[in-house]
Amino acid sequence: MKNLLVFFVVVLLGITSCKKDDETIQAVVVSDYDKADAIRGGILYDKFWATEANYTGADAATISHLNRKADFYRCKQCHAWDLMGNQGSYNSRKPSTSRPNIAGSLIGSRTKTAQQLFDAMKVVGTTRRTIADSIGVTTYDPATNATVGDKMPDYSKLLTDAQIWDIVKFLKEGALDVTLLYDATYTGTYPNGKATYSNIGKDGDATAGKTFYTANCASCHGTDGKFIADLDATAGMTAGKFVRTKPNEAQHKVKFGQLGTIMKAFSSMTPTNVKNLYKALADTVAFPN
């Protein structure tokens, strides 16, 4: 009887030990990348200090500085909504005193590992522009002193590791592949290039897109997309016209939201949803200019 009792105690201890080992293993398996949020990453990519991003990485003075020269710190400004930078939709977006030169494409980032992308964003050194550096920001002129202003911001000081991982997950999993949504022709070279869009919605289902629009968009934009006047602060811009003229940008807004408005991120939005929506909005009769 005594030996039997000892046996059960040993078995019980073994089970307990295994359970603890399993918990330890599980904690290791849940990596920083696994815990990251692609939707939050898409919002950070757009404007990391936006209210929707719950940004807490800088004091009020820093935020004020960013707001005066916002585009010097936004990922999307240099790499574009379609991630193609100066090789895609932003091949004609010239620099000015309020925005830097456009950087290269991030499409290749999909082939890199998550750790490689994190390390690339986390870099610290003279190749990065610090928030305290006013040269190239407050006095930026692309014709005379573009070097410092065109440097990538030092995100190691601006973003937490968790926020960088969120952006990494956005790049790897959250960002939409625009080649599935429309056809585009890019001619010329930056900054004098040109982007031409066609076949909006490609092989999407217009009927399904109209159903999706009615259920999720019509209450704000109206049944014909004209209820909100001057979208994008552009005179005469309707929902249909926006998608037809800026399909590179609209795809990001419909999934990650229009920051600062009631149009929030749509976390369950799929490429098929966007393609169908684009196909419906390509109809200039149902969704006129």
Protein backbone atom coordinates (compact mmCIF):
# COMPACT_ATOMS: atom_id res chain seq x y z
CA MET A 1 0.00 0.00 0.00
CA LYS A 2 2.85 2.34 0.90
CA ASN A 3 4.56 1.65 -2.43
CA LEU A 4 1.31 2.32 -4.29
CA LEU A 5 0.94 5.67 -2.54
CA VAL A 6 4.48 6.63 -3.49
CA PHE A 7 3.71 5.68 -7.09
CA PHE A 8 0.69 8.01 -7.26
CA VAL A 9 2.66 10.88 -5.72
CA VAL A 10 5.41 10.46 -8.32
CA VAL A 11 2.83 10.40 -11.16
CA LEU A 12 1.10 13.49 -9.77
CA LEU A 13 4.36 15.39 -9.53
CA GLY A 14 5.22 14.37 -13.06
CA ILE A 15 1.90 15.68 -14.39
CA THR A 16 2.35 18.95 -12.52
CA SER A 17 5.87 19.29 -13.86
CA CYS A 18 4.72 18.62 -17.41
CA LYS A 19 1.99 21.24 -17.07
CA LYS A 20 4.51 23.85 -15.95
CA ASP A 21 6.83 22.91 -18.78
CA ASP A 22 3.98 23.23 -21.29
CA GLU A 23 3.11 26.69 -19.95
CA THR A 24 6.73 27.75 -20.28
CA ILE A 25 6.91 26.46 -23.83
CA GLN A 26 3.67 28.24 -24.71
CA ALA A 27 5.02 31.55 -23.38
CA VAL A 28 8.03 31.21 -25.66
CA VAL A 29 5.90 30.32 -28.69
CA VAL A 30 3.79 33.51 -28.38
CA SER A 31 6.32 35.85 -29.97
CA ASP A 32 6.18 39.62 -30.22
CA TYR A 33 5.14 39.21 -33.85
CA ASP A 34 2.32 36.84 -32.89
CA LYS A 35 1.04 39.38 -30.38
CA ALA A 36 1.17 42.24 -32.91
CA ASP A 37 -1.96 43.70 -34.50
CA ALA A 38 -1.96 44.29 -38.28
CA ILE A 39 -4.89 46.72 -38.14
CA ARG A 40 -3.17 48.85 -35.53
CA GLY A 41 -0.05 48.62 -37.69
CA GLY A 42 -1.95 49.99 -40.67
CA ILE A 43 -3.12 52.93 -38.58
CA LEU A 44 0.42 53.57 -37.36
CA TYR A 45 1.68 53.40 -40.95
CA ASP A 46 -0.79 56.14 -41.86
CA LYS A 47 -0.24 58.47 -38.89
CA PHE A 48 1.34 56.97 -35.79
CA TRP A 49 0.35 59.79 -33.43
CA ALA A 50 -3.34 59.71 -34.43
CA THR A 51 -5.91 59.24 -31.66
CA GLU A 52 -6.89 55.88 -33.15
CA ALA A 53 -3.31 54.64 -32.72
CA ASN A 54 -3.36 55.29 -28.95
CA TYR A 55 0.07 56.87 -29.28
CA THR A 56 1.86 57.48 -25.97
CA GLY A 57 5.46 57.65 -27.10
CA ALA A 58 6.01 61.40 -27.12
CA ASP A 59 5.20 64.45 -25.05
CA ALA A 60 2.97 67.33 -26.10
CA ALA A 61 5.90 69.34 -27.49
CA THR A 62 6.88 66.49 -29.76
CA ILE A 63 3.34 66.03 -31.03
CA SER A 64 3.13 69.74 -31.77
CA HIS A 65 6.37 69.50 -33.73
CA LEU A 66 5.02 66.57 -35.74
CA ASN A 67 1.78 68.34 -36.56
CA ARG A 68 3.64 71.29 -38.05
CA LYS A 69 5.62 69.03 -40.37
CA ALA A 70 3.55 65.87 -40.26
CA ASP A 71 4.61 64.31 -43.54
CA PHE A 72 8.23 64.13 -42.46
CA TYR A 73 7.27 61.41 -39.98
CA ARG A 74 4.50 59.43 -41.68
CA CYS A 75 5.43 56.06 -43.20
CA LYS A 76 2.83 56.46 -45.94
CA GLN A 77 4.31 59.78 -47.05
CA CYS A 78 7.57 58.22 -48.19
CA HIS A 79 6.38 54.73 -49.13
CA ALA A 80 2.84 55.53 -50.36
CA TRP A 81 -0.53 53.95 -49.66
CA ASP A 82 0.26 51.10 -52.07
CA LEU A 83 3.72 50.50 -50.50
CA MET A 84 5.30 51.14 -53.90
CA GLY A 85 6.85 54.50 -53.09
CA ASN A 86 8.42 56.34 -56.02
CA GLN A 87 8.01 53.23 -58.17
CA GLY A 88 4.22 53.36 -58.03
CA SER A 89 1.42 55.81 -57.29
CA TYR A 90 3.78 58.40 -55.80
CA ASN A 91 6.08 58.57 -58.82
CA SER A 92 4.88 62.15 -59.43
CA ARG A 93 4.62 63.36 -55.82
CA LYS A 94 7.28 66.03 -55.82
CA PRO A 95 8.88 67.16 -52.56
CA SER A 96 8.03 70.58 -51.18
CA THR A 97 8.81 72.61 -48.09
CA SER A 98 6.18 70.56 -46.23
CA ARG A 99 7.04 67.05 -47.39
CA PRO A 100 10.24 65.14 -48.21
CA ASN A 101 11.28 63.19 -51.27
CA ILE A 102 9.52 59.88 -51.80
CA ALA A 103 11.43 56.73 -50.87
CA GLY A 104 11.57 53.38 -52.60
CA SER A 105 9.08 50.54 -52.70
CA LEU A 106 8.27 48.30 -49.72
CA ILE A 107 6.74 45.56 -51.84
CA GLY A 108 9.90 43.51 -51.35
CA SER A 109 9.29 43.61 -47.61
CA ARG A 110 6.89 40.72 -48.01
CA THR A 111 9.83 38.46 -48.82
CA LYS A 112 11.78 39.49 -45.71
CA THR A 113 11.36 37.87 -42.33
CA ALA A 114 9.46 39.69 -39.61
CA GLN A 115 12.68 40.03 -37.61
CA GLN A 116 14.51 41.58 -40.56
CA LEU A 117 11.78 44.19 -40.94
CA PHE A 118 11.76 44.95 -37.22
CA ASP A 119 15.55 45.36 -37.20
CA ALA A 120 15.40 47.67 -40.23
CA MET A 121 12.91 49.97 -38.49
CA LYS A 122 14.69 49.85 -35.14
CA VAL A 123 18.03 51.08 -36.51
CA VAL A 124 19.70 53.82 -34.48
CA GLY A 125 22.43 56.04 -35.88
CA THR A 126 23.43 58.90 -38.12
CA THR A 127 21.36 57.45 -40.98
CA ARG A 128 18.20 58.35 -39.05
CA ARG A 129 16.75 61.76 -38.30
CA THR A 130 15.98 62.43 -34.65
CA ILE A 131 12.90 64.26 -33.47
CA ALA A 132 15.10 67.00 -32.02
CA ASP A 133 16.74 67.70 -35.36
CA SER A 134 15.09 70.79 -36.83
CA ILE A 135 17.37 70.87 -39.87
CA GLY A 136 15.59 69.51 -42.90
CA VAL A 137 12.22 69.80 -41.19
CA THR A 138 11.40 73.34 -40.13
CA THR A 139 13.64 74.78 -42.85
CA TYR A 140 13.40 71.97 -45.41
CA ASP A 141 13.95 72.93 -49.02
CA PRO A 142 14.35 70.04 -51.48
CA ALA A 143 16.50 72.20 -53.73
CA THR A 144 19.05 73.25 -51.12
CA ASN A 145 19.06 71.15 -47.94
CA ALA A 146 17.20 67.91 -48.54
CA THR A 147 19.77 65.47 -47.14
CA VAL A 148 18.80 65.49 -43.48
CA GLY A 149 15.09 66.00 -44.07
CA ASP A 150 14.99 63.01 -46.42
CA LYS A 151 16.44 60.67 -43.80
CA MET A 152 14.14 58.11 -42.25
CA PRO A 153 12.95 59.21 -38.79
CA ASP A 154 14.53 57.50 -35.80
CA TYR A 155 11.57 55.28 -34.97
CA SER A 156 13.51 53.63 -32.16
CA LYS A 157 12.86 56.86 -30.23
CA LEU A 158 9.36 57.55 -31.56
CA LEU A 159 7.75 54.12 -31.36
CA THR A 160 7.70 51.35 -28.81
CA ASP A 161 8.89 47.89 -29.82
CA ALA A 162 5.26 46.72 -29.75
CA GLN A 163 4.26 49.47 -32.19
CA ILE A 164 7.10 48.58 -34.53
CA TRP A 165 5.96 44.95 -34.45
CA ASP A 166 2.44 46.14 -35.30
CA ILE A 167 3.77 47.90 -38.41
CA VAL A 168 5.78 44.80 -39.31
CA LYS A 169 2.63 42.69 -39.11
CA PHE A 170 0.79 45.22 -41.27
CA LEU A 171 3.52 44.96 -43.91
CA LYS A 172 3.58 41.17 -43.79
CA GLU A 173 -0.12 40.38 -43.43
CA GLY A 174 -2.37 43.44 -43.24
CA ALA A 175 -1.45 45.52 -46.30
CA LEU A 176 -3.55 44.76 -49.36
CA ASP A 177 -1.94 43.70 -52.63
CA VAL A 178 -3.21 46.45 -54.94
CA THR A 179 -2.44 44.42 -58.06
CA LEU A 180 -5.49 42.33 -57.14
CA LEU A 181 -7.74 45.41 -57.05
CA TYR A 182 -6.93 47.34 -60.23
CA ASP A 183 -4.54 47.65 -63.12
CA ALA A 184 -1.99 50.45 -63.12
CA THR A 185 0.53 51.78 -65.59
CA TYR A 186 3.49 53.78 -64.29
CA THR A 187 5.41 55.85 -66.82
CA GLY A 188 8.30 58.27 -66.58
CA THR A 189 10.65 58.55 -63.64
CA TYR A 190 10.22 60.15 -60.25
CA PRO A 191 9.38 62.94 -59.61
CA ASN A 192 8.01 63.51 -63.10
CA GLY A 193 6.28 60.18 -63.56
CA LYS A 194 2.63 59.41 -64.09
CA ALA A 195 0.25 56.76 -62.77
CA THR A 196 -2.76 55.65 -64.80
CA TYR A 197 -5.45 53.39 -63.30
CA SER A 198 -7.89 51.12 -65.09
CA ASN A 199 -10.00 48.00 -64.60
CA ILE A 200 -11.04 49.13 -61.11
CA GLY A 201 -12.24 46.09 -59.20
CA LYS A 202 -10.76 43.76 -61.81
CA ASP A 203 -12.65 40.44 -61.62
CA GLY A 204 -14.76 41.53 -58.65
CA ASP A 205 -18.52 41.04 -58.25
CA ALA A 206 -20.34 44.36 -58.61
CA THR A 207 -23.57 43.00 -57.14
CA ALA A 208 -21.80 41.74 -54.04
CA GLY A 209 -19.94 45.03 -53.85
CA LYS A 210 -23.17 47.05 -53.98
CA THR A 211 -24.63 44.86 -51.22
CA PHE A 212 -21.52 45.43 -49.12
CA TYR A 213 -21.67 49.18 -49.78
CA THR A 214 -25.35 49.37 -48.81
CA ALA A 215 -24.72 47.53 -45.56
CA ASN A 216 -21.53 49.30 -44.51
CA CYS A 217 -21.06 52.58 -46.36
CA ALA A 218 -24.38 54.05 -47.54
CA SER A 219 -25.47 55.32 -44.12
CA CYS A 220 -22.62 57.87 -44.21
CA HIS A 221 -21.84 58.30 -47.91
CA GLY A 222 -25.39 58.01 -49.26
CA THR A 223 -26.77 55.51 -51.72
CA ASP A 224 -24.92 57.16 -54.61
CA GLY A 225 -21.73 58.10 -52.72
CA LYS A 226 -22.42 61.83 -52.89
CA PHE A 227 -23.80 62.55 -49.42
CA ILE A 228 -20.45 63.65 -47.96
CA ALA A 229 -19.35 66.55 -50.09
CA ASP A 230 -15.73 67.16 -51.05
CA LEU A 231 -14.12 63.98 -49.77
CA ASP A 232 -10.39 64.18 -49.13
CA ALA A 233 -10.85 67.98 -48.85
CA THR A 234 -11.14 68.03 -52.64
CA ALA A 235 -13.96 70.01 -54.25
CA GLY A 236 -16.47 67.74 -55.97
CA MET A 237 -14.90 64.51 -54.72
CA THR A 238 -17.49 61.75 -54.25
CA ALA A 239 -17.02 58.20 -52.99
CA GLY A 240 -17.18 56.82 -56.53
CA LYS A 241 -14.79 59.39 -57.93
CA PHE A 242 -12.37 58.85 -55.05
CA VAL A 243 -12.13 55.12 -55.73
CA ARG A 244 -11.82 55.65 -59.50
CA THR A 245 -9.15 58.35 -59.30
CA LYS A 246 -7.30 57.26 -56.16
CA PRO A 247 -7.66 53.48 -55.93
CA ASN A 248 -4.15 53.42 -54.49
CA GLU A 249 -5.36 55.34 -51.43
CA ALA A 250 -8.99 54.26 -51.09
CA GLN A 251 -8.05 50.63 -50.41
CA HIS A 252 -6.16 51.65 -47.27
CA LYS A 253 -8.94 53.93 -46.02
CA VAL A 254 -11.71 51.34 -46.42
CA LYS A 255 -9.76 48.80 -44.37
CA PHE A 256 -7.89 50.93 -41.84
CA GLY A 257 -10.25 53.90 -41.63
CA GLN A 258 -10.13 57.61 -42.27
CA LEU A 259 -8.30 58.88 -39.21
CA GLY A 260 -9.96 61.68 -37.31
CA THR A 261 -13.45 60.81 -38.57
CA ILE A 262 -16.23 58.35 -37.71
CA MET A 263 -14.93 56.05 -40.45
CA LYS A 264 -13.11 53.45 -38.38
CA ALA A 265 -10.99 50.47 -39.31
CA PHE A 266 -12.82 47.47 -40.74
CA SER A 267 -10.83 44.59 -39.27
CA SER A 268 -12.72 41.85 -41.13
CA MET A 269 -12.28 43.49 -44.54
CA THR A 270 -10.85 41.01 -47.03
CA PRO A 271 -9.22 41.58 -50.42
CA THR A 272 -12.37 40.11 -52.00
CA ASN A 273 -14.55 42.61 -50.11
CA VAL A 274 -12.42 45.49 -51.39
CA LYS A 275 -12.32 44.13 -54.94
CA ASN A 276 -16.11 43.76 -55.01
CA LEU A 277 -16.58 47.22 -53.51
CA TYR A 278 -14.24 48.71 -56.11
CA LYS A 279 -16.14 46.93 -58.89
CA ALA A 280 -19.41 48.45 -57.70
CA LEU A 281 -17.95 51.95 -57.28
CA ALA A 282 -16.46 51.80 -60.77
CA ASP A 283 -20.01 52.29 -62.07
CA THR A 284 -20.27 56.00 -62.88
CA VAL A 285 -24.06 55.79 -63.20
CA ALA A 286 -24.73 54.27 -59.77
CA PHE A 287 -21.88 56.28 -58.19
CA PRO A 288 -21.44 59.46 -60.23
CA ASN A 289 -18.79 62.13 -59.93
